[in-house]
């Protein structure tokens, strides 16, 4: 059963539904927070929606590079599809979070 947990990204609290105990989602949130912190370090304090887009671009770039690496390493179609599905879910989640940043 899914439970609602709170994660903090760039100083903002988000309530999210977690299918497990929330450890995985907390780990994902920490990673996104680290990327946004890096963006602030490199680009100064930008509006939250701009930081979210830049972080989403960097994360997506990393995923695309990993997908390409796996393809060139001879990864099977099933594994490629799993990575593509994960990427799609992350993009959807980024879009959902951007809606929060716009408010």
N, C-alpha and C. Protein backbone atom coordinates (compact mmCIF):
# COMPACT_ATOMS: atom_id res chain seq x y z
N UNK A 1 0.85 -1.18 0.00
CA UNK A 1 0.00 0.00 0.00
C UNK A 1 0.89 1.25 0.00
N UNK A 2 0.55 2.20 -0.83
CA UNK A 2 1.33 3.43 -0.93
C UNK A 2 1.09 4.30 0.30
N UNK A 3 2.15 4.99 0.70
CA UNK A 3 2.01 5.93 1.81
C UNK A 3 2.55 7.27 1.37
N UNK A 4 2.11 8.32 2.04
CA UNK A 4 2.55 9.67 1.73
C UNK A 4 3.79 9.98 2.59
N UNK A 5 4.84 10.43 1.91
CA UNK A 5 6.04 10.85 2.62
C UNK A 5 6.37 12.28 2.20
N UNK A 6 7.20 12.91 3.00
CA UNK A 6 7.66 14.25 2.67
C UNK A 6 9.12 14.18 2.25
N UNK A 7 9.44 14.86 1.16
CA UNK A 7 10.82 15.00 0.73
C UNK A 7 11.11 16.49 0.62
N UNK A 8 12.38 16.83 0.76
CA UNK A 8 12.78 18.23 0.66
C UNK A 8 13.72 18.37 -0.52
N UNK A 9 13.34 19.25 -1.43
CA UNK A 9 14.15 19.55 -2.60
C UNK A 9 14.28 21.06 -2.70
N UNK A 10 15.51 21.52 -2.68
CA UNK A 10 15.82 22.96 -2.77
C UNK A 10 15.05 23.75 -1.71
N UNK A 11 15.02 23.18 -0.50
CA UNK A 11 14.39 23.87 0.62
C UNK A 11 12.87 23.83 0.64
N UNK A 12 12.27 23.16 -0.33
CA UNK A 12 10.82 23.07 -0.40
C UNK A 12 10.38 21.65 -0.04
N UNK A 13 9.31 21.56 0.73
CA UNK A 13 8.78 20.27 1.14
C UNK A 13 7.73 19.82 0.12
N UNK A 14 7.88 18.57 -0.31
CA UNK A 14 6.93 17.97 -1.24
C UNK A 14 6.36 16.72 -0.60
N UNK A 15 5.06 16.58 -0.64
CA UNK A 15 4.41 15.36 -0.19
C UNK A 15 4.23 14.47 -1.42
N UNK A 16 4.73 13.24 -1.32
CA UNK A 16 4.69 12.33 -2.45
C UNK A 16 4.25 10.95 -1.99
N UNK A 17 3.69 10.22 -2.90
CA UNK A 17 3.23 8.87 -2.63
C UNK A 17 4.36 7.88 -2.90
N UNK A 18 4.66 7.04 -1.91
CA UNK A 18 5.74 6.06 -2.03
C UNK A 18 5.14 4.66 -1.94
N UNK A 19 5.55 3.79 -2.85
CA UNK A 19 5.05 2.42 -2.85
C UNK A 19 5.80 1.55 -1.85
N UNK A 20 7.01 1.94 -1.49
CA UNK A 20 7.76 1.19 -0.49
C UNK A 20 7.76 2.02 0.79
N UNK A 21 8.70 1.84 1.64
CA UNK A 21 8.77 2.62 2.87
C UNK A 21 9.18 4.06 2.66
N UNK A 22 9.52 4.43 1.44
CA UNK A 22 9.91 5.79 1.13
C UNK A 22 11.40 5.99 0.99
N UNK A 23 12.19 4.95 1.27
CA UNK A 23 13.64 5.09 1.21
C UNK A 23 14.10 5.43 -0.21
N UNK A 24 13.55 4.74 -1.18
CA UNK A 24 13.94 4.98 -2.57
C UNK A 24 13.60 6.41 -2.98
N UNK A 25 12.39 6.84 -2.68
CA UNK A 25 11.97 8.19 -3.06
C UNK A 25 12.81 9.25 -2.34
N UNK A 26 13.18 8.98 -1.09
CA UNK A 26 14.06 9.90 -0.37
C UNK A 26 15.42 9.99 -1.07
N UNK A 27 15.92 8.84 -1.51
CA UNK A 27 17.21 8.81 -2.22
C UNK A 27 17.13 9.60 -3.53
N UNK A 28 16.04 9.42 -4.25
CA UNK A 28 15.84 10.16 -5.50
C UNK A 28 15.78 11.67 -5.21
N UNK A 29 15.03 12.04 -4.18
CA UNK A 29 14.90 13.46 -3.83
C UNK A 29 16.25 14.06 -3.44
N UNK A 30 17.05 13.31 -2.68
CA UNK A 30 18.39 13.81 -2.32
C UNK A 30 19.24 14.03 -3.56
N UNK A 31 19.13 13.12 -4.52
CA UNK A 31 19.91 13.26 -5.75
C UNK A 31 19.47 14.51 -6.51
N UNK A 32 18.17 14.70 -6.66
CA UNK A 32 17.66 15.89 -7.35
C UNK A 32 18.11 17.15 -6.61
N UNK A 33 18.04 17.13 -5.29
CA UNK A 33 18.48 18.27 -4.49
C UNK A 33 19.96 18.57 -4.73
N UNK A 34 20.79 17.51 -4.80
CA UNK A 34 22.22 17.69 -5.08
C UNK A 34 22.44 18.34 -6.44
N UNK A 35 21.69 17.88 -7.44
CA UNK A 35 21.84 18.45 -8.78
C UNK A 35 21.44 19.92 -8.77
N UNK A 36 20.33 20.25 -8.12
CA UNK A 36 19.89 21.65 -8.07
C UNK A 36 20.92 22.49 -7.31
N UNK A 37 21.48 21.96 -6.24
CA UNK A 37 22.52 22.67 -5.50
C UNK A 37 23.73 22.94 -6.39
N UNK A 38 24.10 21.96 -7.23
CA UNK A 38 25.19 22.16 -8.18
C UNK A 38 24.83 23.26 -9.18
N UNK A 39 23.58 23.28 -9.62
CA UNK A 39 23.13 24.31 -10.56
C UNK A 39 23.27 25.69 -9.93
N UNK A 40 22.88 25.83 -8.67
CA UNK A 40 23.01 27.11 -7.97
C UNK A 40 24.48 27.50 -7.88
N UNK A 41 25.34 26.52 -7.59
CA UNK A 41 26.77 26.79 -7.50
C UNK A 41 27.38 27.26 -8.81
N UNK A 42 26.88 26.74 -9.92
CA UNK A 42 27.44 27.10 -11.22
C UNK A 42 26.76 28.32 -11.85
N UNK A 43 25.47 28.50 -11.56
CA UNK A 43 24.70 29.54 -12.26
C UNK A 43 24.12 30.60 -11.34
N UNK A 44 24.44 30.54 -10.07
CA UNK A 44 23.87 31.51 -9.13
C UNK A 44 22.44 31.15 -8.80
N UNK A 45 21.86 31.94 -7.94
CA UNK A 45 20.49 31.66 -7.50
C UNK A 45 19.50 32.09 -8.59
N UNK A 46 18.94 31.12 -9.25
CA UNK A 46 17.98 31.34 -10.33
C UNK A 46 16.57 31.06 -9.80
N UNK A 47 15.54 31.48 -10.54
CA UNK A 47 14.17 31.11 -10.14
C UNK A 47 14.04 29.58 -10.08
N UNK A 48 13.20 29.10 -9.17
CA UNK A 48 13.05 27.66 -8.94
C UNK A 48 12.68 26.89 -10.20
N UNK A 49 11.81 27.46 -11.03
CA UNK A 49 11.42 26.72 -12.24
C UNK A 49 12.60 26.58 -13.20
N UNK A 50 13.44 27.58 -13.27
CA UNK A 50 14.63 27.49 -14.13
C UNK A 50 15.61 26.43 -13.60
N UNK A 51 15.81 26.43 -12.27
CA UNK A 51 16.68 25.41 -11.66
C UNK A 51 16.13 24.01 -11.90
N UNK A 52 14.82 23.86 -11.78
CA UNK A 52 14.20 22.55 -11.99
C UNK A 52 14.40 22.07 -13.42
N UNK A 53 14.27 22.98 -14.38
CA UNK A 53 14.46 22.61 -15.78
C UNK A 53 15.91 22.26 -16.05
N UNK A 54 16.83 23.04 -15.51
CA UNK A 54 18.26 22.74 -15.72
C UNK A 54 18.62 21.40 -15.08
N UNK A 55 18.09 21.13 -13.88
CA UNK A 55 18.35 19.85 -13.23
C UNK A 55 17.75 18.70 -14.03
N UNK A 56 16.53 18.88 -14.52
CA UNK A 56 15.88 17.84 -15.33
C UNK A 56 16.70 17.57 -16.59
N UNK A 57 17.23 18.61 -17.20
CA UNK A 57 18.05 18.43 -18.39
C UNK A 57 19.32 17.64 -18.07
N UNK A 58 19.97 17.96 -16.95
CA UNK A 58 21.20 17.26 -16.59
C UNK A 58 20.92 15.79 -16.28
N UNK A 59 19.86 15.53 -15.53
CA UNK A 59 19.50 14.15 -15.19
C UNK A 59 19.12 13.37 -16.45
N UNK A 60 18.34 14.00 -17.32
CA UNK A 60 17.94 13.34 -18.56
C UNK A 60 19.15 13.07 -19.45
N UNK A 61 20.08 14.02 -19.51
CA UNK A 61 21.30 13.81 -20.28
C UNK A 61 22.06 12.59 -19.76
N UNK A 62 22.18 12.48 -18.44
CA UNK A 62 22.86 11.33 -17.85
C UNK A 62 22.16 10.03 -18.22
N UNK A 63 20.84 10.03 -18.17
CA UNK A 63 20.09 8.82 -18.52
C UNK A 63 20.25 8.47 -20.00
N UNK A 64 20.18 9.47 -20.86
CA UNK A 64 20.37 9.22 -22.29
C UNK A 64 21.76 8.65 -22.56
N UNK A 65 22.78 9.23 -21.91
CA UNK A 65 24.13 8.71 -22.10
C UNK A 65 24.23 7.26 -21.63
N UNK A 66 23.60 6.95 -20.52
CA UNK A 66 23.63 5.58 -20.01
C UNK A 66 22.89 4.64 -20.97
N UNK A 67 21.78 5.09 -21.51
CA UNK A 67 21.04 4.27 -22.48
C UNK A 67 21.90 3.99 -23.71
N UNK A 68 22.58 5.01 -24.20
CA UNK A 68 23.44 4.83 -25.37
C UNK A 68 24.60 3.90 -25.06
N UNK A 69 25.17 4.05 -23.86
CA UNK A 69 26.27 3.17 -23.46
C UNK A 69 25.79 1.73 -23.39
N UNK A 70 24.63 1.52 -22.82
CA UNK A 70 24.09 0.16 -22.71
C UNK A 70 23.82 -0.43 -24.09
N UNK A 71 23.30 0.40 -24.99
CA UNK A 71 23.05 -0.09 -26.36
C UNK A 71 24.35 -0.49 -27.04
N UNK A 72 25.38 0.35 -26.87
CA UNK A 72 26.66 0.04 -27.52
C UNK A 72 27.35 -1.15 -26.86
N UNK A 73 27.01 -1.43 -25.60
CA UNK A 73 27.56 -2.60 -24.92
C UNK A 73 26.80 -3.88 -25.26
N UNK A 74 25.81 -3.77 -26.14
CA UNK A 74 25.05 -4.94 -26.54
C UNK A 74 23.92 -5.29 -25.60
N UNK A 75 23.41 -4.33 -24.87
CA UNK A 75 22.31 -4.59 -23.97
C UNK A 75 21.09 -5.01 -24.77
N UNK A 76 20.31 -5.90 -24.22
CA UNK A 76 19.12 -6.37 -24.88
C UNK A 76 18.00 -5.35 -24.90
N UNK A 77 17.01 -5.63 -25.71
CA UNK A 77 15.86 -4.72 -25.85
C UNK A 77 15.08 -4.59 -24.54
N UNK A 78 15.00 -5.66 -23.76
CA UNK A 78 14.25 -5.60 -22.51
C UNK A 78 14.88 -4.60 -21.56
N UNK A 79 16.20 -4.64 -21.42
CA UNK A 79 16.89 -3.71 -20.54
C UNK A 79 16.75 -2.27 -21.06
N UNK A 80 16.87 -2.09 -22.36
CA UNK A 80 16.72 -0.76 -22.95
C UNK A 80 15.32 -0.21 -22.68
N UNK A 81 14.32 -1.07 -22.78
CA UNK A 81 12.93 -0.66 -22.54
C UNK A 81 12.76 -0.26 -21.08
N UNK A 82 13.39 -0.99 -20.15
CA UNK A 82 13.29 -0.64 -18.73
C UNK A 82 13.87 0.75 -18.47
N UNK A 83 15.01 1.03 -19.08
CA UNK A 83 15.64 2.35 -18.91
C UNK A 83 14.77 3.43 -19.53
N UNK A 84 14.23 3.14 -20.70
CA UNK A 84 13.34 4.12 -21.35
C UNK A 84 12.11 4.39 -20.50
N UNK A 85 11.53 3.34 -19.91
CA UNK A 85 10.36 3.51 -19.04
C UNK A 85 10.72 4.35 -17.82
N UNK A 86 11.90 4.09 -17.23
CA UNK A 86 12.35 4.86 -16.08
C UNK A 86 12.52 6.33 -16.47
N UNK A 87 13.11 6.58 -17.60
CA UNK A 87 13.31 7.94 -18.08
C UNK A 87 11.96 8.64 -18.26
N UNK A 88 11.01 7.95 -18.84
CA UNK A 88 9.67 8.52 -19.04
C UNK A 88 9.04 8.87 -17.70
N UNK A 89 9.17 7.98 -16.70
CA UNK A 89 8.60 8.25 -15.38
C UNK A 89 9.28 9.46 -14.74
N UNK A 90 10.60 9.57 -14.90
CA UNK A 90 11.32 10.71 -14.33
C UNK A 90 10.92 12.02 -15.00
N UNK A 91 10.73 11.98 -16.31
CA UNK A 91 10.29 13.19 -17.02
C UNK A 91 8.89 13.58 -16.56
N UNK A 92 7.99 12.60 -16.43
CA UNK A 92 6.64 12.88 -15.95
C UNK A 92 6.68 13.49 -14.55
N UNK A 93 7.53 12.93 -13.68
CA UNK A 93 7.66 13.45 -12.32
C UNK A 93 8.25 14.86 -12.34
N UNK A 94 9.21 15.12 -13.23
CA UNK A 94 9.77 16.47 -13.37
C UNK A 94 8.70 17.45 -13.80
N UNK A 95 7.87 17.04 -14.77
CA UNK A 95 6.77 17.89 -15.21
C UNK A 95 5.82 18.20 -14.07
N UNK A 96 5.53 17.17 -13.24
CA UNK A 96 4.62 17.36 -12.12
C UNK A 96 5.24 18.34 -11.11
N UNK A 97 6.53 18.19 -10.84
CA UNK A 97 7.20 19.08 -9.91
C UNK A 97 7.28 20.50 -10.45
N UNK A 98 7.48 20.63 -11.76
CA UNK A 98 7.51 21.97 -12.35
C UNK A 98 6.20 22.69 -12.14
N UNK A 99 5.10 21.94 -12.16
CA UNK A 99 3.81 22.55 -11.87
C UNK A 99 3.79 23.13 -10.47
N UNK A 100 4.45 22.46 -9.53
CA UNK A 100 4.54 22.95 -8.16
C UNK A 100 5.40 24.21 -8.12
N UNK A 101 6.52 24.20 -8.86
CA UNK A 101 7.41 25.37 -8.86
C UNK A 101 6.75 26.60 -9.45
N UNK A 102 5.83 26.42 -10.37
CA UNK A 102 5.18 27.55 -11.03
C UNK A 102 4.23 28.28 -10.10
N UNK A 103 3.74 27.59 -9.07
CA UNK A 103 2.75 28.20 -8.16
C UNK A 103 3.38 29.14 -7.18
